[in-house]
Amino acid sequence: MTARRQFIPHFEGHSVLLIASWTLCIASAAYAQAPAPTTEAAATDRDVSAAFREADRNGDGRLNREEAAVLPSVAENFDRIDTNQDGSISLDELAKAVQK
């Protein structure tokens, strides 16, 4: 015969119930804090960022006139978008132009 292990009375049942209740509490808190639905502005920002990264061929974080040619509307309005007149367009300048 095998010897039966001695446990503190009701220890296993209480532990399982305690862990299950913690899990439910944490899961419900996480569910309650689900991210807000994507807005049109957030989608536009992602699109602008993606287009900017694609056009930024040298990866310097700025678009010169040659790189801006990939985006025709940016190329046509280059001087207007380049608000600090440094000869290149940053992602921030492009995002502000798109918002207008």
PDB file of N, CA and C in Angstrom:
ATOM      1  N   MET A   1       0.826  -1.169   0.000  1.00  0.00           N
ATOM      2  CA  MET A   1       0.000   0.000   0.000  1.00  0.00           C
ATOM      3  C   MET A   1       0.883   1.251   0.000  1.00  0.00           C
ATOM      4  N   THR A   2       0.382   2.238  -0.691  1.00  0.00           N
ATOM      5  CA  THR A   2       1.109   3.498  -0.706  1.00  0.00           C
ATOM      6  C   THR A   2       0.624   4.360   0.432  1.00  0.00           C
ATOM      7  N   ALA A   3       1.538   5.084   0.979  1.00  0.00           N
ATOM      8  CA  ALA A   3       1.174   5.964   2.084  1.00  0.00           C
ATOM      9  C   ALA A   3       0.500   7.202   1.533  1.00  0.00           C
ATOM     10  N   ARG A   4      -0.542   7.598   2.148  1.00  0.00           N
ATOM     11  CA  ARG A   4      -1.273   8.777   1.725  1.00  0.00           C
ATOM     12  C   ARG A   4      -0.612  10.013   2.323  1.00  0.00           C
ATOM     13  N   ARG A   5      -0.399  11.035   1.467  1.00  0.00           N
ATOM     14  CA  ARG A   5       0.254  12.249   1.947  1.00  0.00           C
ATOM     15  C   ARG A   5      -0.709  13.038   2.813  1.00  0.00           C
ATOM     16  N   GLN A   6      -0.170  13.650   3.792  1.00  0.00           N
ATOM     17  CA  GLN A   6      -0.972  14.463   4.701  1.00  0.00           C
ATOM     18  C   GLN A   6      -1.014  15.907   4.187  1.00  0.00           C
ATOM     19  N   PHE A   7      -2.172  16.466   4.093  1.00  0.00           N
ATOM     20  CA  PHE A   7      -2.348  17.850   3.677  1.00  0.00           C
ATOM     21  C   PHE A   7      -3.078  18.604   4.775  1.00  0.00           C
ATOM     22  N   ILE A   8      -2.879  19.887   4.757  1.00  0.00           N
ATOM     23  CA  ILE A   8      -3.660  20.724   5.655  1.00  0.00           C
ATOM     24  C   ILE A   8      -5.098  20.622   5.184  1.00  0.00           C
ATOM     25  N   PRO A   9      -6.029  20.396   6.052  1.00  0.00           N
ATOM     26  CA  PRO A   9      -7.419  20.217   5.620  1.00  0.00           C
ATOM     27  C   PRO A   9      -7.894  21.377   4.746  1.00  0.00           C
ATOM     28  N   HIS A  10      -8.503  21.051   3.631  1.00  0.00           N
ATOM     29  CA  HIS A  10      -9.108  22.002   2.689  1.00  0.00           C
ATOM     30  C   HIS A  10      -8.090  22.926   2.018  1.00  0.00           C
ATOM     31  N   PHE A  11      -6.805  22.633   2.161  1.00  0.00           N
ATOM     32  CA  PHE A  11      -5.790  23.509   1.565  1.00  0.00           C
ATOM     33  C   PHE A  11      -5.880  23.511   0.045  1.00  0.00           C
ATOM     34  N   GLU A  12      -5.952  22.338  -0.574  1.00  0.00           N
ATOM     35  CA  GLU A  12      -5.984  22.268  -2.035  1.00  0.00           C
ATOM     36  C   GLU A  12      -7.224  22.944  -2.606  1.00  0.00           C
ATOM     37  N   GLY A  13      -8.369  22.681  -2.053  1.00  0.00           N
ATOM     38  CA  GLY A  13      -9.603  23.289  -2.538  1.00  0.00           C
ATOM     39  C   GLY A  13      -9.592  24.794  -2.399  1.00  0.00           C
ATOM     40  N   HIS A  14      -9.108  25.284  -1.273  1.00  0.00           N
ATOM     41  CA  HIS A  14      -9.055  26.734  -1.060  1.00  0.00           C
ATOM     42  C   HIS A  14      -8.056  27.385  -2.022  1.00  0.00           C
ATOM     43  N   SER A  15      -6.926  26.719  -2.259  1.00  0.00           N
ATOM     44  CA  SER A  15      -5.917  27.283  -3.157  1.00  0.00           C
ATOM     45  C   SER A  15      -6.450  27.383  -4.579  1.00  0.00           C
ATOM     46  N   VAL A  16      -7.124  26.351  -5.017  1.00  0.00           N
ATOM     47  CA  VAL A  16      -7.676  26.360  -6.372  1.00  0.00           C
ATOM     48  C   VAL A  16      -8.726  27.456  -6.512  1.00  0.00           C
ATOM     49  N   LEU A  17      -9.579  27.591  -5.524  1.00  0.00           N
ATOM     50  CA  LEU A  17     -10.607  28.642  -5.574  1.00  0.00           C
ATOM     51  C   LEU A  17      -9.977  30.034  -5.543  1.00  0.00           C
ATOM     52  N   LEU A  18      -8.935  30.199  -4.729  1.00  0.00           N
ATOM     53  CA  LEU A  18      -8.270  31.500  -4.636  1.00  0.00           C
ATOM     54  C   LEU A  18      -7.603  31.856  -5.968  1.00  0.00           C
ATOM     55  N   ILE A  19      -6.898  30.927  -6.565  1.00  0.00           N
ATOM     56  CA  ILE A  19      -6.237  31.174  -7.847  1.00  0.00           C
ATOM     57  C   ILE A  19      -7.265  31.443  -8.947  1.00  0.00           C
ATOM     58  N   ALA A  20      -8.349  30.696  -8.955  1.00  0.00           N
ATOM     59  CA  ALA A  20      -9.399  30.901  -9.959  1.00  0.00           C
ATOM     60  C   ALA A  20     -10.029  32.283  -9.810  1.00  0.00           C
ATOM     61  N   SER A  21     -10.271  32.710  -8.579  1.00  0.00           N
ATOM     62  CA  SER A  21     -10.884  34.033  -8.390  1.00  0.00           C
ATOM     63  C   SER A  21      -9.924  35.140  -8.784  1.00  0.00           C
ATOM     64  N   TRP A  22      -8.639  35.004  -8.489  1.00  0.00           N
ATOM     65  CA  TRP A  22      -7.648  35.997  -8.924  1.00  0.00           C
ATOM     66  C   TRP A  22      -7.607  36.070 -10.445  1.00  0.00           C
ATOM     67  N   THR A  23      -7.609  34.922 -11.080  1.00  0.00           N
ATOM     68  CA  THR A  23      -7.567  34.883 -12.533  1.00  0.00           C
ATOM     69  C   THR A  23      -8.781  35.587 -13.134  1.00  0.00           C
ATOM     70  N   LEU A  24      -9.951  35.336 -12.586  1.00  0.00           N
ATOM     71  CA  LEU A  24     -11.157  35.998 -13.089  1.00  0.00           C
ATOM     72  C   LEU A  24     -11.098  37.504 -12.874  1.00  0.00           C
ATOM     73  N   CYS A  25     -10.603  37.931 -11.735  1.00  0.00           N
ATOM     74  CA  CYS A  25     -10.498  39.370 -11.459  1.00  0.00           C
ATOM     75  C   CYS A  25      -9.535  40.046 -12.431  1.00  0.00           C
ATOM     76  N   ILE A  26      -8.394  39.425 -12.643  1.00  0.00           N
ATOM     77  CA  ILE A  26      -7.406  40.006 -13.546  1.00  0.00           C
ATOM     78  C   ILE A  26      -7.935  40.024 -14.976  1.00  0.00           C
ATOM     79  N   ALA A  27      -8.579  38.946 -15.396  1.00  0.00           N
ATOM     80  CA  ALA A  27      -9.116  38.878 -16.750  1.00  0.00           C
ATOM     81  C   ALA A  27     -10.211  39.919 -16.963  1.00  0.00           C
ATOM     82  N   SER A  28     -11.065  40.099 -15.969  1.00  0.00           N
ATOM     83  CA  SER A  28     -12.141  41.083 -16.124  1.00  0.00           C
ATOM     84  C   SER A  28     -11.591  42.503 -16.138  1.00  0.00           C
ATOM     85  N   ALA A  29     -10.544  42.759 -15.346  1.00  0.00           N
ATOM     86  CA  ALA A  29      -9.927  44.086 -15.359  1.00  0.00           C
ATOM     87  C   ALA A  29      -9.270  44.359 -16.711  1.00  0.00           C
ATOM     88  N   ALA A  30      -8.599  43.364 -17.263  1.00  0.00           N
ATOM     89  CA  ALA A  30      -7.959  43.531 -18.571  1.00  0.00           C
ATOM     90  C   ALA A  30      -9.002  43.742 -19.662  1.00  0.00           C
ATOM     91  N   TYR A  31     -10.100  43.021 -19.591  1.00  0.00           N
ATOM     92  CA  TYR A  31     -11.166  43.178 -20.578  1.00  0.00           C
ATOM     93  C   TYR A  31     -11.802  44.560 -20.495  1.00  0.00           C
ATOM     94  N   ALA A  32     -11.944  45.071 -19.276  1.00  0.00           N
ATOM     95  CA  ALA A  32     -12.555  46.388 -19.086  1.00  0.00           C
ATOM     96  C   ALA A  32     -11.670  47.498 -19.634  1.00  0.00           C
ATOM     97  N   GLN A  33     -10.372  47.248 -19.727  1.00  0.00           N
ATOM     98  CA  GLN A  33      -9.447  48.263 -20.209  1.00  0.00           C
ATOM     99  C   GLN A  33      -9.052  48.026 -21.662  1.00  0.00           C
ATOM    100  N   ALA A  34      -9.902  47.411 -22.427  1.00  0.00           N
ATOM    101  CA  ALA A  34      -9.621  47.159 -23.843  1.00  0.00           C
ATOM    102  C   ALA A  34      -9.408  48.490 -24.550  1.00  0.00           C
ATOM    103  N   PRO A  35      -8.520  48.525 -25.543  1.00  0.00           N
ATOM    104  CA  PRO A  35      -8.253  49.779 -26.242  1.00  0.00           C
ATOM    105  C   PRO A  35      -9.497  50.308 -26.949  1.00  0.00           C
ATOM    106  N   ALA A  36      -9.539  51.616 -27.054  1.00  0.00           N
ATOM    107  CA  ALA A  36     -10.657  52.267 -27.740  1.00  0.00           C
ATOM    108  C   ALA A  36     -10.624  51.891 -29.219  1.00  0.00           C
ATOM    109  N   PRO A  37     -11.763  51.891 -29.858  1.00  0.00           N
ATOM    110  CA  PRO A  37     -11.795  51.577 -31.288  1.00  0.00           C
ATOM    111  C   PRO A  37     -10.934  52.557 -32.078  1.00  0.00           C
ATOM    112  N   THR A  38     -10.359  52.081 -33.152  1.00  0.00           N
ATOM    113  CA  THR A  38      -9.500  52.906 -33.992  1.00  0.00           C
ATOM    114  C   THR A  38     -10.338  54.011 -34.635  1.00  0.00           C
ATOM    115  N   THR A  39      -9.861  55.221 -34.495  1.00  0.00           N
ATOM    116  CA  THR A  39     -10.560  56.348 -35.105  1.00  0.00           C
ATOM    117  C   THR A  39      -9.990  56.597 -36.491  1.00  0.00           C
ATOM    118  N   GLU A  40     -10.690  57.379 -37.225  1.00  0.00           N
ATOM    119  CA  GLU A  40     -10.242  57.715 -38.573  1.00  0.00           C
ATOM    120  C   GLU A  40      -8.923  58.479 -38.527  1.00  0.00           C
ATOM    121  N   ALA A  41      -8.757  59.342 -37.524  1.00  0.00           N
ATOM    122  CA  ALA A  41      -7.518  60.117 -37.405  1.00  0.00           C
ATOM    123  C   ALA A  41      -6.325  59.213 -37.146  1.00  0.00           C
ATOM    124  N   ALA A  42      -6.509  58.205 -36.290  1.00  0.00           N
ATOM    125  CA  ALA A  42      -5.413  57.277 -35.999  1.00  0.00           C
ATOM    126  C   ALA A  42      -5.050  56.480 -37.243  1.00  0.00           C
ATOM    127  N   ALA A  43      -6.050  56.076 -38.009  1.00  0.00           N
ATOM    128  CA  ALA A  43      -5.790  55.343 -39.250  1.00  0.00           C
ATOM    129  C   ALA A  43      -5.045  56.227 -40.240  1.00  0.00           C
ATOM    130  N   THR A  44      -5.417  57.492 -40.323  1.00  0.00           N
ATOM    131  CA  THR A  44      -4.740  58.424 -41.214  1.00  0.00           C
ATOM    132  C   THR A  44      -3.292  58.612 -40.791  1.00  0.00           C
ATOM    133  N   ASP A  45      -3.046  58.737 -39.482  1.00  0.00           N
ATOM    134  CA  ASP A  45      -1.680  58.885 -38.984  1.00  0.00           C
ATOM    135  C   ASP A  45      -0.820  57.680 -39.364  1.00  0.00           C
ATOM    136  N   ARG A  46      -1.394  56.490 -39.249  1.00  0.00           N
ATOM    137  CA  ARG A  46      -0.645  55.287 -39.632  1.00  0.00           C
ATOM    138  C   ARG A  46      -0.347  55.290 -41.123  1.00  0.00           C
ATOM    139  N   ASP A  47      -1.311  55.708 -41.925  1.00  0.00           N
ATOM    140  CA  ASP A  47      -1.109  55.763 -43.374  1.00  0.00           C
ATOM    141  C   ASP A  47      -0.026  56.780 -43.746  1.00  0.00           C
ATOM    142  N   VAL A  48      -0.059  57.935 -43.093  1.00  0.00           N
ATOM    143  CA  VAL A  48       0.940  58.973 -43.356  1.00  0.00           C
ATOM    144  C   VAL A  48       2.321  58.470 -42.959  1.00  0.00           C
ATOM    145  N   SER A  49       2.415  57.834 -41.795  1.00  0.00           N
ATOM    146  CA  SER A  49       3.708  57.299 -41.339  1.00  0.00           C
ATOM    147  C   SER A  49       4.238  56.246 -42.293  1.00  0.00           C
ATOM    148  N   ALA A  50       3.371  55.372 -42.756  1.00  0.00           N
ATOM    149  CA  ALA A  50       3.794  54.317 -43.670  1.00  0.00           C
ATOM    150  C   ALA A  50       4.267  54.908 -44.995  1.00  0.00           C
ATOM    151  N   ALA A  51       3.539  55.874 -45.525  1.00  0.00           N
ATOM    152  CA  ALA A  51       3.929  56.505 -46.789  1.00  0.00           C
ATOM    153  C   ALA A  51       5.250  57.256 -46.624  1.00  0.00           C
ATOM    154  N   PHE A  52       5.416  57.926 -45.486  1.00  0.00           N
ATOM    155  CA  PHE A  52       6.646  58.666 -45.226  1.00  0.00           C
ATOM    156  C   PHE A  52       7.840  57.722 -45.180  1.00  0.00           C
ATOM    157  N   ARG A  53       7.695  56.619 -44.430  1.00  0.00           N
ATOM    158  CA  ARG A  53       8.805  55.656 -44.320  1.00  0.00           C
ATOM    159  C   ARG A  53       9.160  55.056 -45.684  1.00  0.00           C
ATOM    160  N   GLU A  54       8.154  54.801 -46.487  1.00  0.00           N
ATOM    161  CA  GLU A  54       8.400  54.242 -47.821  1.00  0.00           C
ATOM    162  C   GLU A  54       9.125  55.245 -48.713  1.00  0.00           C
ATOM    163  N   ALA A  55       8.760  56.501 -48.630  1.00  0.00           N
ATOM    164  CA  ALA A  55       9.378  57.528 -49.477  1.00  0.00           C
ATOM    165  C   ALA A  55      10.775  57.912 -48.994  1.00  0.00           C
ATOM    166  N   ASP A  56      11.034  57.763 -47.698  1.00  0.00           N
ATOM    167  CA  ASP A  56      12.331  58.139 -47.115  1.00  0.00           C
ATOM    168  C   ASP A  56      13.371  57.078 -47.466  1.00  0.00           C
ATOM    169  N   ARG A  57      13.893  57.155 -48.661  1.00  0.00           N
ATOM    170  CA  ARG A  57      14.799  56.124 -49.203  1.00  0.00           C
ATOM    171  C   ARG A  57      16.096  56.005 -48.410  1.00  0.00           C
ATOM    172  N   ASN A  58      16.658  57.121 -47.961  1.00  0.00           N
ATOM    173  CA  ASN A  58      17.939  57.050 -47.256  1.00  0.00           C
ATOM    174  C   ASN A  58      17.771  56.856 -45.744  1.00  0.00           C
ATOM    175  N   GLY A  59      16.528  56.857 -45.254  1.00  0.00           N
ATOM    176  CA  GLY A  59      16.258  56.558 -43.850  1.00  0.00           C
ATOM    177  C   GLY A  59      16.726  57.618 -42.870  1.00  0.00           C
ATOM    178  N   ASP A  60      16.846  58.865 -43.320  1.00  0.00           N
ATOM    179  CA  ASP A  60      17.315  59.919 -42.414  1.00  0.00           C
ATOM    180  C   ASP A  60      16.188  60.607 -41.654  1.00  0.00           C
ATOM    181  N   GLY A  61      14.940  60.170 -41.890  1.00  0.00           N
ATOM    182  CA  GLY A  61      13.813  60.760 -41.177  1.00  0.00           C
ATOM    183  C   GLY A  61      13.317  62.056 -41.786  1.00  0.00           C
ATOM    184  N   ARG A  62      13.778  62.370 -42.980  1.00  0.00           N
ATOM    185  CA  ARG A  62      13.382  63.597 -43.664  1.00  0.00           C
ATOM    186  C   ARG A  62      13.210  63.286 -45.145  1.00  0.00           C
ATOM    187  N   LEU A  63      12.314  64.002 -45.795  1.00  0.00           N
ATOM    188  CA  LEU A  63      12.109  63.843 -47.236  1.00  0.00           C
ATOM    189  C   LEU A  63      12.694  65.044 -47.956  1.00  0.00           C
ATOM    190  N   ASN A  64      13.631  64.790 -48.868  1.00  0.00           N
ATOM    191  CA  ASN A  64      14.108  65.882 -49.719  1.00  0.00           C
ATOM    192  C   ASN A  64      13.214  65.920 -50.955  1.00  0.00           C
ATOM    193  N   ARG A  65      13.456  66.835 -51.862  1.00  0.00           N
ATOM    194  CA  ARG A  65      12.586  66.974 -53.039  1.00  0.00           C
ATOM    195  C   ARG A  65      12.583  65.707 -53.895  1.00  0.00           C
ATOM    196  N   GLU A  66      13.719  65.065 -54.003  1.00  0.00           N
ATOM    197  CA  GLU A  66      13.816  63.849 -54.813  1.00  0.00           C
ATOM    198  C   GLU A  66      12.974  62.723 -54.199  1.00  0.00           C
ATOM    199  N   GLU A  67      13.052  62.540 -52.883  1.00  0.00           N
ATOM    200  CA  GLU A  67      12.267  61.511 -52.214  1.00  0.00           C
ATOM    201  C   GLU A  67      10.778  61.850 -52.239  1.00  0.00           C
ATOM    202  N   ALA A  68      10.452  63.134 -52.128  1.00  0.00           N
ATOM    203  CA  ALA A  68       9.054  63.562 -52.129  1.00  0.00           C
ATOM    204  C   ALA A  68       8.376  63.303 -53.463  1.00  0.00           C
ATOM    205  N   ALA A  69       9.146  63.140 -54.522  1.00  0.00           N
ATOM    206  CA  ALA A  69       8.574  62.886 -55.838  1.00  0.00           C
ATOM    207  C   ALA A  69       7.786  61.577 -55.875  1.00  0.00           C
ATOM    208  N   VAL A  70       8.076  60.677 -54.935  1.00  0.00           N
ATOM    209  CA  VAL A  70       7.338  59.413 -54.844  1.00  0.00           C
ATOM    210  C   VAL A  70       5.882  59.675 -54.453  1.00  0.00           C
ATOM    211  N   LEU A  71       5.656  60.751 -53.721  1.00  0.00           N
ATOM    212  CA  LEU A  71       4.308  61.139 -53.287  1.00  0.00           C
ATOM    213  C   LEU A  71       3.925  62.411 -54.040  1.00  0.00           C
ATOM    214  N   PRO A  72       3.204  62.281 -55.154  1.00  0.00           N
ATOM    215  CA  PRO A  72       2.930  63.434 -56.021  1.00  0.00           C
ATOM    216  C   PRO A  72       2.315  64.641 -55.309  1.00  0.00           C
ATOM    217  N   SER A  73       1.369  64.432 -54.431  1.00  0.00           N
ATOM    218  CA  SER A  73       0.742  65.580 -53.756  1.00  0.00           C
ATOM    219  C   SER A  73       1.725  66.269 -52.817  1.00  0.00           C
ATOM    220  N   VAL A  74       2.656  65.518 -52.253  1.00  0.00           N
ATOM    221  CA  VAL A  74       3.683  66.121 -51.398  1.00  0.00           C
ATOM    222  C   VAL A  74       4.662  66.905 -52.257  1.00  0.00           C
ATOM    223  N   ALA A  75       5.045  66.336 -53.374  1.00  0.00           N
ATOM    224  CA  ALA A  75       5.980  67.023 -54.274  1.00  0.00           C
ATOM    225  C   ALA A  75       5.395  68.343 -54.779  1.00  0.00           C
ATOM    226  N   GLU A  76       4.106  68.325 -55.132  1.00  0.00           N
ATOM    227  CA  GLU A  76       3.453  69.542 -55.643  1.00  0.00           C
ATOM    228  C   GLU A  76       3.374  70.638 -54.586  1.00  0.00           C
ATOM    229  N   ASN A  77       3.263  70.251 -53.317  1.00  0.00           N
ATOM    230  CA  ASN A  77       3.100  71.218 -52.228  1.00  0.00           C
ATOM    231  C   ASN A  77       4.314  71.258 -51.306  1.00  0.00           C
ATOM    232  N   PHE A  78       5.474  70.894 -51.823  1.00  0.00           N
ATOM    233  CA  PHE A  78       6.678  70.759 -51.004  1.00  0.00           C
ATOM    234  C   PHE A  78       6.966  72.017 -50.186  1.00  0.00           C
ATOM    235  N   ASP A  79       6.990  73.172 -50.837  1.00  0.00           N
ATOM    236  CA  ASP A  79       7.333  74.418 -50.138  1.00  0.00           C
ATOM    237  C   ASP A  79       6.306  74.774 -49.065  1.00  0.00           C
ATOM    238  N   ARG A  80       5.059  74.470 -49.301  1.00  0.00           N
ATOM    239  CA  ARG A  80       4.011  74.760 -48.326  1.00  0.00           C
ATOM    240  C   ARG A  80       4.122  73.820 -47.112  1.00  0.00           C
ATOM    241  N   ILE A  81       4.468  72.554 -47.365  1.00  0.00           N
ATOM    242  CA  ILE A  81       4.578  71.567 -46.286  1.00  0.00           C
ATOM    243  C   ILE A  81       5.842  71.807 -45.458  1.00  0.00           C
ATOM    244  N   ASP A  82       6.918  72.243 -46.115  1.00  0.00           N
ATOM    245  CA  ASP A  82       8.192  72.501 -45.430  1.00  0.00           C
ATOM    246  C   ASP A  82       8.100  73.819 -44.666  1.00  0.00           C
ATOM    247  N   THR A  83       7.444  73.775 -43.520  1.00  0.00           N
ATOM    248  CA  THR A  83       7.138  75.004 -42.782  1.00  0.00           C
ATOM    249  C   THR A  83       8.369  75.699 -42.215  1.00  0.00           C
ATOM    250  N   ASN A  84       9.425  74.963 -41.899  1.00  0.00           N
ATOM    251  CA  ASN A  84      10.615  75.625 -41.359  1.00  0.00           C
ATOM    252  C   ASN A  84      11.625  75.984 -42.452  1.00  0.00           C
ATOM    253  N   GLN A  85      11.249  75.730 -43.711  1.00  0.00           N
ATOM    254  CA  GLN A  85      12.041  76.112 -44.888  1.00  0.00           C
ATOM    255  C   GLN A  85      13.500  75.633 -44.820  1.00  0.00           C
ATOM    256  N   ASP A  86      13.691  74.385 -44.363  1.00  0.00           N
ATOM    257  CA  ASP A  86      15.045  73.841 -44.310  1.00  0.00           C
ATOM    258  C   ASP A  86      15.375  72.957 -45.510  1.00  0.00           C
ATOM    259  N   GLY A  87      14.464  72.881 -46.463  1.00  0.00           N
ATOM    260  CA  GLY A  87      14.713  72.111 -47.673  1.00  0.00           C
ATOM    261  C   GLY A  87      14.356  70.641 -47.570  1.00  0.00           C
ATOM    262  N   SER A  88      13.743  70.260 -46.455  1.00  0.00           N
ATOM    263  CA  SER A  88      13.298  68.872 -46.299  1.00  0.00           C
ATOM    264  C   SER A  88      12.031  68.851 -45.449  1.00  0.00           C
ATOM    265  N   ILE A  89      11.309  67.751 -45.567  1.00  0.00           N
ATOM    266  CA  ILE A  89      10.042  67.615 -44.845  1.00  0.00           C
ATOM    267  C   ILE A  89      10.187  66.515 -43.792  1.00  0.00           C
ATOM    268  N   SER A  90       9.847  66.850 -42.556  1.00  0.00           N
ATOM    269  CA  SER A  90       9.862  65.854 -41.484  1.00  0.00           C
ATOM    270  C   SER A  90       8.494  65.168 -41.424  1.00  0.00           C
ATOM    271  N   LEU A  91       8.439  64.064 -40.706  1.00  0.00           N
ATOM    272  CA  LEU A  91       7.159  63.370 -40.536  1.00  0.00           C
ATOM    273  C   LEU A  91       6.159  64.279 -39.832  1.00  0.00           C
ATOM    274  N   ASP A  92       6.625  65.063 -38.872  1.00  0.00           N
ATOM    275  CA  ASP A  92       5.742  65.982 -38.153  1.00  0.00           C
ATOM    276  C   ASP A  92       5.154  67.030 -39.095  1.00  0.00           C
ATOM    277  N   GLU A  93       5.982  67.599 -39.973  1.00  0.00           N
ATOM    278  CA  GLU A  93       5.491  68.591 -40.935  1.00  0.00           C
ATOM    279  C   GLU A  93       4.465  67.971 -41.882  1.00  0.00           C
ATOM    280  N   LEU A  94       4.740  66.740 -42.320  1.00  0.00           N
ATOM    281  CA  LEU A  94       3.813  66.064 -43.227  1.00  0.00           C
ATOM    282  C   LEU A  94       2.492  65.760 -42.522  1.00  0.00           C
ATOM    283  N   ALA A  95       2.565  65.281 -41.286  1.00  0.00           N
ATOM    284  CA  ALA A  95       1.358  64.965 -40.539  1.00  0.00           C
ATOM    285  C   ALA A  95       0.496  66.212 -40.312  1.00  0.00           C
ATOM    286  N   LYS A  96       1.134  67.338 -39.998  1.00  0.00           N
ATOM    287  CA  LYS A  96       0.392  68.592 -39.802  1.00  0.00           C
ATOM    288  C   LYS A  96      -0.256  69.032 -41.100  1.00  0.00           C
ATOM    289  N   ALA A  97       0.440  68.864 -42.217  1.00  0.00           N
ATOM    290  CA  ALA A  97      -0.115  69.262 -43.522  1.00  0.00           C
ATOM    291  C   ALA A  97      -1.331  68.398 -43.865  1.00  0.00           C
ATOM    292  N   VAL A  98      -1.253  67.128 -43.558  1.00  0.00           N
ATOM    293  CA  VAL A  98      -2.371  66.233 -43.858  1.00  0.00           C
ATOM    294  C   VAL A  98      -3.572  66.571 -42.984  1.00  0.00           C
ATOM    295  N   GLN A  99      -3.331  66.966 -41.741  1.00  0.00           N
ATOM    296  CA  GLN A  99      -4.435  67.335 -40.842  1.00  0.00           C
ATOM    297  C   GLN A  99      -5.179  68.558 -41.344  1.00  0.00           C
ATOM    298  N   LYS A 100      -4.466  69.484 -41.989  1.00  0.00           N
ATOM    299  CA  LYS A 100      -5.103  70.688 -42.527  1.00  0.00           C
ATOM    300  C   LYS A 100      -5.910  70.294 -43.693  1.00  0.00           C
TER     301      LYS A 100
END
